[in-house]
């Protein structure tokens, strides 16, 4: 009995020892958690046991999943008055690194700018591959070409001139050609001429050929009809009229004739109609070719063949180029844009050819004038390639 009693008391003693040892371990865990919290504030701190990690995790001071200390302890109220010296040093180091990167970028950009020819150009709109264009971009090109035409016809009294403009919405070779942009540009040009005291005739070529072979360029389909439906300002409505290309459409009381995109088609040439109209108009009244395409188109009807080619080329070259703008690509693709070629008789470079190169991407995009060429000679593709994709000498 005594044995049983002593044995029972011995078991109770063992239980009491276990309870005291567990309480001491929990207190050591709490002290470890406190030490861990102190370590977060004052340095690396001691190595945490598993229990201490869980205790710290319950306080939000330890990332158990990733096995590391929490990064931000200022979010907790009782640590809001402290800051980590190490984090401040990292922030200072990050700022210094950012300043060094900015200095390197500035130096690199300056070295690029030093290699560029220092000439004056215009600020060409950016993001021209975004279709449809914004109204501001369209208005820029309308104003640019209109100023060149006014300078040539009104100021310089030129009578046989041509202008070419091919930003994406005006490029008939692409799939984003917009007839509305063409008509808006014609409206701007005609209105500016009329406000300078000129009576303007808008001429769109009619269908050429006979029978089933009668046709019209796709880019001009419906243009004449749309011009008839256009509304004009009250001060110019009586000075602008619509017609076609041909001698019967040139009247004596008209001063300026704008031929809208005259072009040859397979089997038929528009040049005979233009020559007849030129004779009727005479040398003292102005004729403007807007985006002409007068190159030969081979066909089986012995039209625009080798015979007479020299005369056709001479006729095309007899028109003075007063304005030119087109973007530069790696053909046959229309993306990305590498640069632009421009000429304007109203520019500060006196009608010389201006070659621009595109730099940057998206928000940092801009065009820089790289080189200026003689106004009487358009730079050839080899020259464009050397400047845009190669190195300048």
Protein backbone atom coordinates (compact mmCIF):
# COMPACT_ATOMS: atom_id res chain seq x y z
CA UNK A 1 0.00 0.00 0.00
CA UNK A 2 2.85 2.24 0.98
CA UNK A 3 4.51 1.17 -2.20
CA UNK A 4 1.44 1.93 -4.16
CA UNK A 5 1.13 5.24 -2.36
CA UNK A 6 4.81 6.08 -3.00
CA UNK A 7 4.43 4.99 -6.58
CA UNK A 8 1.42 7.22 -7.04
CA UNK A 9 3.19 10.18 -5.45
CA UNK A 10 6.19 9.54 -7.66
CA UNK A 11 3.96 9.80 -10.77
CA UNK A 12 2.54 13.08 -9.49
CA UNK A 13 6.03 14.42 -8.99
CA UNK A 14 6.91 13.57 -12.57
CA UNK A 15 3.80 15.35 -13.83
CA UNK A 16 4.69 18.44 -11.76
CA UNK A 17 8.22 18.40 -13.23
CA UNK A 18 6.84 18.17 -16.75
CA UNK A 19 4.46 21.09 -16.07
CA UNK A 20 7.27 23.25 -14.68
CA UNK A 21 9.53 22.41 -17.61
CA UNK A 22 6.77 23.29 -20.14
CA UNK A 23 6.12 26.63 -18.40
CA UNK A 24 9.83 27.43 -18.45
CA UNK A 25 10.02 26.57 -22.19
CA UNK A 26 7.03 28.83 -22.98
CA UNK A 27 8.64 31.66 -21.04
CA UNK A 28 11.88 31.11 -22.94
CA UNK A 29 9.88 31.19 -26.20
CA UNK A 30 8.32 34.50 -25.18
CA UNK A 31 11.71 35.89 -24.25
CA UNK A 32 13.05 34.66 -27.59
CA UNK A 33 10.18 36.40 -29.37
CA UNK A 34 10.98 39.60 -27.48
CA UNK A 35 14.61 39.19 -28.39
CA UNK A 36 13.55 38.64 -31.99
CA UNK A 37 11.52 41.83 -31.96
CA UNK A 38 14.53 43.66 -30.52
CA UNK A 39 16.67 42.12 -33.23
CA UNK A 40 14.42 43.52 -35.93
CA UNK A 41 15.04 47.00 -34.59
CA UNK A 42 18.71 46.94 -33.62
CA UNK A 43 20.35 44.50 -35.97
CA UNK A 44 20.37 40.93 -37.23
CA UNK A 45 19.57 39.54 -33.78
CA UNK A 46 19.93 35.94 -32.54
CA UNK A 47 19.04 32.86 -34.56
CA UNK A 48 15.38 32.09 -33.96
CA UNK A 49 14.07 28.71 -32.95
CA UNK A 50 10.95 27.29 -34.55
CA UNK A 51 8.79 28.27 -31.60
CA UNK A 52 10.23 31.78 -31.58
CA UNK A 53 9.53 32.07 -35.30
CA UNK A 54 5.89 31.16 -34.74
CA UNK A 55 5.63 33.61 -31.87
CA UNK A 56 7.15 36.37 -33.97
CA UNK A 57 4.90 35.41 -36.87
CA UNK A 58 1.85 35.81 -34.65
CA UNK A 59 3.03 39.37 -33.97
CA UNK A 60 3.52 39.96 -37.66
CA UNK A 61 7.32 40.23 -37.43
CA UNK A 62 8.41 37.09 -39.25
CA UNK A 63 7.52 35.57 -42.63
CA UNK A 64 7.25 31.87 -41.80
CA UNK A 65 6.47 30.81 -45.39
CA UNK A 66 9.56 32.42 -46.91
CA UNK A 67 11.79 32.00 -43.85
CA UNK A 68 12.87 35.62 -43.42
CA UNK A 69 12.22 38.63 -41.27
CA UNK A 70 9.46 40.99 -42.24
CA UNK A 71 10.63 44.05 -44.21
CA UNK A 72 8.32 46.78 -42.98
CA UNK A 73 7.80 47.21 -39.28
CA UNK A 74 6.79 50.80 -39.27
CA UNK A 75 3.21 49.73 -40.02
CA UNK A 76 2.86 48.53 -36.44
CA UNK A 77 1.97 51.10 -33.82
CA UNK A 78 4.65 50.42 -31.20
CA UNK A 79 7.45 50.43 -33.79
CA UNK A 80 6.35 53.65 -35.51
CA UNK A 81 8.89 55.77 -33.64
CA UNK A 82 11.89 53.77 -34.87
CA UNK A 83 13.61 53.46 -38.25
CA UNK A 84 16.09 51.00 -39.67
CA UNK A 85 19.54 52.38 -40.35
CA UNK A 86 20.12 49.72 -42.97
CA UNK A 87 16.92 50.65 -44.88
CA UNK A 88 17.95 54.33 -44.86
CA UNK A 89 21.35 53.43 -46.25
CA UNK A 90 19.69 51.35 -48.96
CA UNK A 91 17.37 54.23 -49.88
CA UNK A 92 20.32 56.64 -50.03
CA UNK A 93 22.25 54.16 -52.12
CA UNK A 94 19.24 53.75 -54.43
CA UNK A 95 18.97 57.51 -54.89
CA UNK A 96 22.69 57.75 -55.63
CA UNK A 97 22.39 54.90 -58.14
CA UNK A 98 19.42 56.61 -59.77
CA UNK A 99 21.38 59.86 -60.05
CA UNK A 100 24.29 57.97 -61.63
CA UNK A 101 21.91 56.32 -64.13
CA UNK A 102 20.37 59.70 -65.00
CA UNK A 103 23.84 61.18 -65.48
CA UNK A 104 24.84 58.27 -67.73
CA UNK A 105 21.65 58.64 -69.78
CA UNK A 106 22.18 62.40 -70.11
CA UNK A 107 25.78 61.89 -71.21
CA UNK A 108 24.73 59.27 -73.76
CA UNK A 109 21.95 61.48 -75.14
CA UNK A 110 24.34 64.44 -75.33
CA UNK A 111 26.88 62.37 -77.25
CA UNK A 112 24.13 61.35 -79.70
CA UNK A 113 23.06 64.94 -80.15
CA UNK A 114 26.66 66.05 -80.75
CA UNK A 115 26.90 63.61 -83.66
CA UNK A 116 23.79 65.16 -85.28
CA UNK A 117 24.14 67.95 -87.79
CA UNK A 118 23.08 71.22 -86.16
CA UNK A 119 20.43 72.50 -88.57
CA UNK A 120 16.94 73.82 -88.07
CA UNK A 121 13.89 71.73 -88.85
CA UNK A 122 10.27 71.32 -87.81
CA UNK A 123 8.70 69.35 -84.97
CA UNK A 124 7.21 66.37 -86.80
CA UNK A 125 4.28 64.76 -84.93
CA UNK A 126 5.02 61.45 -83.21
CA UNK A 127 3.15 58.14 -82.96
CA UNK A 128 2.17 58.34 -86.62
CA UNK A 129 1.46 54.60 -86.70
CA UNK A 130 -1.51 55.12 -84.39
CA UNK A 131 -4.57 54.99 -86.63
CA UNK A 132 -6.83 56.91 -86.87
CA UNK A 133 -4.72 60.03 -86.45
CA UNK A 134 -5.72 62.69 -83.99
CA UNK A 135 -7.17 65.93 -85.28
CA UNK A 136 -4.03 67.78 -84.20
CA UNK A 137 -1.81 65.56 -86.35
CA UNK A 138 -4.04 66.01 -89.39
CA UNK A 139 -4.20 69.77 -88.91
CA UNK A 140 -0.40 69.90 -88.74
CA UNK A 141 -0.04 68.34 -92.18
CA UNK A 142 -2.92 70.35 -93.67
CA UNK A 143 -1.28 73.57 -92.54
CA UNK A 144 2.19 72.48 -93.63
CA UNK A 145 1.24 71.66 -97.22
CA UNK A 146 -1.13 74.64 -97.50
CA UNK A 147 1.61 77.07 -96.47
CA UNK A 148 3.91 75.64 -99.15
CA UNK A 149 1.24 76.00 -101.86
CA UNK A 150 0.36 79.56 -100.80
CA UNK A 151 4.05 80.50 -100.85
CA UNK A 152 4.56 79.00 -104.31
CA UNK A 153 1.37 80.24 -106.03
CA UNK A 154 0.63 83.54 -104.28
CA UNK A 155 4.08 84.79 -103.25
CA UNK A 156 6.45 83.26 -105.82
CA UNK A 157 3.91 83.27 -108.69
CA UNK A 158 4.68 79.70 -109.82
CA UNK A 159 2.22 78.15 -112.28
CA UNK A 160 3.21 74.47 -112.77
CA UNK A 161 3.78 72.86 -109.40
CA UNK A 162 3.23 69.53 -107.66
CA UNK A 163 2.97 68.46 -104.03
CA UNK A 164 3.26 65.01 -102.52
CA UNK A 165 2.26 64.05 -98.99
CA UNK A 166 2.21 60.49 -97.66
CA UNK A 167 1.63 60.13 -93.96
CA UNK A 168 -0.22 56.86 -93.17
CA UNK A 169 -3.80 58.09 -93.76
CA UNK A 170 -2.73 59.57 -97.11
CA UNK A 171 -0.73 56.58 -98.34
CA UNK A 172 -2.78 54.72 -100.95
CA UNK A 173 -0.36 51.78 -100.84
CA UNK A 174 -1.39 50.97 -97.28
CA UNK A 175 -4.67 49.65 -95.92
CA UNK A 176 -5.42 52.71 -93.75
CA UNK A 177 -5.92 55.25 -96.55
CA UNK A 178 -8.74 57.62 -95.56
CA UNK A 179 -10.65 59.53 -98.23
CA UNK A 180 -11.95 61.91 -95.57
CA UNK A 181 -8.40 63.02 -94.78
CA UNK A 182 -7.80 63.75 -98.47
CA UNK A 183 -10.97 65.84 -98.70
CA UNK A 184 -10.21 67.74 -95.49
CA UNK A 185 -6.76 68.61 -96.83
CA UNK A 186 -8.24 69.76 -100.16
CA UNK A 187 -10.73 71.90 -98.23
CA UNK A 188 -7.91 73.60 -96.30
CA UNK A 189 -5.84 74.30 -99.42
CA UNK A 190 -8.77 75.56 -101.50
CA UNK A 191 -10.07 77.77 -98.68
CA UNK A 192 -6.66 79.38 -98.12
CA UNK A 193 -6.28 80.07 -101.85
CA UNK A 194 -9.78 81.54 -102.07
CA UNK A 195 -9.14 83.82 -99.11
CA UNK A 196 -6.11 85.11 -100.99
CA UNK A 197 -8.35 86.29 -103.82
CA UNK A 198 -8.13 83.25 -106.14
CA UNK A 199 -10.98 81.41 -107.84
CA UNK A 200 -10.25 77.69 -107.41
CA UNK A 201 -11.28 74.69 -109.52
CA UNK A 202 -11.04 71.21 -107.99
CA UNK A 203 -10.42 68.61 -110.70
CA UNK A 204 -10.81 64.85 -110.29
CA UNK A 205 -10.17 62.62 -113.29
CA UNK A 206 -13.14 60.74 -114.65
CA UNK A 207 -13.42 57.15 -115.80
CA UNK A 208 -11.04 56.28 -118.63
CA UNK A 209 -11.48 53.61 -121.27
CA UNK A 210 -14.50 52.19 -123.06
CA UNK A 211 -16.96 49.40 -122.42
CA UNK A 212 -15.89 46.74 -119.97
CA UNK A 213 -12.40 48.25 -119.90
CA UNK A 214 -13.64 51.54 -118.48
CA UNK A 215 -12.26 52.22 -115.02
CA UNK A 216 -11.17 54.64 -112.31
CA UNK A 217 -8.42 54.33 -109.67
CA UNK A 218 -9.80 52.87 -106.45
CA UNK A 219 -8.48 55.74 -104.31
CA UNK A 220 -10.53 58.22 -106.40
CA UNK A 221 -13.80 56.30 -106.37
CA UNK A 222 -16.55 58.59 -105.10
CA UNK A 223 -14.24 61.58 -104.50
CA UNK A 224 -15.88 63.84 -107.09
CA UNK A 225 -19.33 63.07 -105.71
CA UNK A 226 -18.20 63.83 -102.17
CA UNK A 227 -16.73 67.18 -103.26
CA UNK A 228 -20.13 68.11 -104.69
CA UNK A 229 -21.68 67.42 -101.28
CA UNK A 230 -19.11 69.40 -99.28
CA UNK A 231 -20.11 72.56 -97.42
CA UNK A 232 -17.90 75.64 -97.68
CA UNK A 233 -17.49 78.77 -95.60
CA UNK A 234 -19.67 81.70 -96.58
CA UNK A 235 -16.74 83.87 -97.64
CA UNK A 236 -15.36 81.28 -100.12
CA UNK A 237 -18.40 79.33 -101.30
CA UNK A 238 -18.67 81.36 -104.53
CA UNK A 239 -14.96 81.03 -105.33
CA UNK A 240 -14.61 77.22 -105.33
CA UNK A 241 -16.05 74.87 -107.94
CA UNK A 242 -15.74 71.21 -108.90
CA UNK A 243 -14.86 69.64 -112.24
CA UNK A 244 -12.73 67.04 -113.98
CA UNK A 245 -9.42 66.85 -115.86
CA UNK A 246 -9.79 67.97 -119.46
CA UNK A 247 -9.81 71.08 -121.63
CA UNK A 248 -13.59 71.44 -121.47
CA UNK A 249 -13.39 71.96 -117.68
CA UNK A 250 -11.02 74.95 -117.79
CA UNK A 251 -13.00 78.18 -117.79
CA UNK A 252 -11.67 81.67 -118.31
CA UNK A 253 -12.78 83.07 -114.95
CA UNK A 254 -10.84 80.51 -112.86
CA UNK A 255 -7.36 81.24 -111.49
CA UNK A 256 -6.06 78.05 -109.86
CA UNK A 257 -6.69 74.42 -110.83
CA UNK A 258 -6.03 71.68 -108.27
CA UNK A 259 -5.72 68.24 -109.90
CA UNK A 260 -6.42 65.70 -107.15
CA UNK A 261 -4.31 62.53 -107.39
CA UNK A 262 -4.03 62.25 -111.18
CA UNK A 263 -2.75 58.78 -112.07
CA UNK A 264 -2.52 56.29 -114.89
CA UNK A 265 -4.39 53.01 -114.95
CA UNK A 266 -3.73 49.79 -116.80
CA UNK A 267 -4.26 50.41 -120.51
CA UNK A 268 -4.94 54.17 -120.27
CA UNK A 269 -2.85 57.24 -119.51
CA UNK A 270 -4.09 60.48 -117.96
CA UNK A 271 -1.28 62.53 -119.54
CA UNK A 272 -3.16 63.41 -122.79
CA UNK A 273 -6.03 64.89 -120.76
CA UNK A 274 -3.59 66.92 -118.67
CA UNK A 275 -1.74 68.22 -121.74
CA UNK A 276 -5.00 69.38 -123.32
CA UNK A 277 -5.98 71.13 -120.12
CA UNK A 278 -2.57 72.83 -119.85
CA UNK A 279 -2.97 74.31 -123.33
CA UNK A 280 -6.41 75.62 -122.45
CA UNK A 281 -5.30 77.08 -119.12
CA UNK A 282 -2.23 78.83 -120.52
CA UNK A 283 1.08 79.72 -118.87
CA UNK A 284 -0.24 82.50 -116.61
CA UNK A 285 -2.71 80.50 -114.51
CA UNK A 286 -1.59 78.04 -111.85
CA UNK A 287 -2.08 74.28 -111.97
CA UNK A 288 -1.32 72.19 -108.87
CA UNK A 289 -0.84 68.43 -108.92
CA UNK A 290 -1.73 66.94 -105.55
CA UNK A 291 -0.21 63.48 -104.97
CA UNK A 292 0.29 62.66 -108.67
CA UNK A 293 1.29 59.19 -109.88
CA UNK A 294 2.34 59.66 -113.48
CA UNK A 295 4.70 56.71 -113.86
CA UNK A 296 4.22 54.22 -116.67
CA UNK A 297 1.99 51.18 -116.09
CA UNK A 298 2.74 48.41 -118.55
CA UNK A 299 -0.14 46.83 -120.42
CA UNK A 300 -0.78 44.68 -123.49
CA UNK A 301 -2.34 47.52 -125.53
CA UNK A 302 0.97 49.16 -126.48
CA UNK A 303 0.15 52.01 -124.08
CA UNK A 304 2.94 53.55 -121.94
CA UNK A 305 5.50 51.27 -123.56
CA UNK A 306 9.07 52.12 -124.56
CA UNK A 307 7.88 54.36 -127.38
CA UNK A 308 7.39 57.88 -126.10
CA UNK A 309 8.74 57.17 -122.61
CA UNK A 310 11.31 59.97 -122.76
CA UNK A 311 8.59 62.50 -123.57
CA UNK A 312 6.38 61.28 -120.71
CA UNK A 313 9.27 61.49 -118.25
CA UNK A 314 10.10 64.99 -119.45
CA UNK A 315 6.47 66.05 -118.98
CA UNK A 316 6.44 64.71 -115.41
CA UNK A 317 9.72 66.44 -114.55
CA UNK A 318 8.50 69.76 -115.93
CA UNK A 319 6.34 70.24 -112.83
CA UNK A 320 8.25 71.83 -109.97
CA UNK A 321 8.21 70.01 -106.63
CA UNK A 322 7.16 72.58 -104.04
CA UNK A 323 6.26 70.18 -101.23
CA UNK A 324 7.16 66.62 -100.33
CA UNK A 325 6.66 64.56 -97.18
CA UNK A 326 6.91 60.83 -96.73
CA UNK A 327 7.88 58.43 -93.97
CA UNK A 328 10.81 56.04 -94.32
CA UNK A 329 10.36 52.30 -93.75
CA UNK A 330 12.12 49.08 -94.63
CA UNK A 331 10.00 48.10 -97.59
CA UNK A 332 7.72 46.24 -98.06
CA UNK A 333 6.75 46.84 -94.42
CA UNK A 334 5.11 49.97 -93.00
CA UNK A 335 6.38 49.46 -89.45
CA UNK A 336 8.44 50.62 -87.68
CA UNK A 337 9.02 54.17 -88.89
CA UNK A 338 12.72 54.99 -89.18
CA UNK A 339 12.55 58.59 -90.35
CA UNK A 340 11.00 61.10 -92.71
CA UNK A 341 11.93 63.03 -95.85
CA UNK A 342 10.53 66.53 -96.28
CA UNK A 343 10.77 69.47 -98.64
CA UNK A 344 8.79 72.72 -98.50
CA UNK A 345 9.30 75.95 -100.40
CA UNK A 346 7.90 77.76 -97.34
CA UNK A 347 10.41 76.30 -94.86
CA UNK A 348 13.33 78.13 -93.28
CA UNK A 349 15.69 75.95 -95.34
CA UNK A 350 14.47 77.56 -98.59
CA UNK A 351 13.00 74.47 -100.19
CA UNK A 352 15.95 72.16 -99.54
CA UNK A 353 15.44 68.45 -98.87
CA UNK A 354 15.35 67.68 -95.14
CA UNK A 355 16.15 64.21 -93.81
CA UNK A 356 14.83 63.38 -90.34
CA UNK A 357 15.65 60.37 -88.19
CA UNK A 358 13.32 58.97 -85.56
CA UNK A 359 14.68 58.41 -82.04
CA UNK A 360 13.13 56.90 -78.91
CA UNK A 361 10.00 54.86 -78.44
CA UNK A 362 6.40 55.74 -77.59
CA UNK A 363 6.36 58.60 -75.03
CA UNK A 364 10.05 59.44 -75.66
CA UNK A 365 9.74 59.46 -79.46
CA UNK A 366 10.98 62.42 -81.48
CA UNK A 367 12.33 63.29 -84.95
CA UNK A 368 15.73 64.94 -85.38
CA UNK A 369 16.88 66.71 -88.54
CA UNK A 370 20.02 64.88 -89.64
CA UNK A 371 21.01 66.37 -92.97
CA UNK A 372 19.95 68.93 -95.58
CA UNK A 373 20.35 68.39 -99.33
CA UNK A 374 20.26 70.64 -102.37
CA UNK A 375 16.70 71.57 -103.34
CA UNK A 376 17.18 70.55 -106.97
CA UNK A 377 18.17 66.94 -106.23
CA UNK A 378 16.23 64.47 -104.12
CA UNK A 379 18.54 62.22 -102.04
CA UNK A 380 18.77 58.70 -103.45
CA UNK A 381 18.02 55.51 -101.46
CA UNK A 382 21.74 54.85 -100.85
CA UNK A 383 22.12 58.23 -99.17
CA UNK A 384 19.02 57.68 -97.05
CA UNK A 385 20.26 54.27 -95.98
CA UNK A 386 23.68 55.63 -95.04
CA UNK A 387 22.25 58.34 -92.79
CA UNK A 388 19.29 56.51 -91.25
CA UNK A 389 20.72 53.00 -90.82
CA UNK A 390 24.44 53.61 -91.18
CA UNK A 391 27.05 56.02 -89.90
CA UNK A 392 27.50 59.57 -91.04
CA UNK A 393 30.92 60.55 -92.34
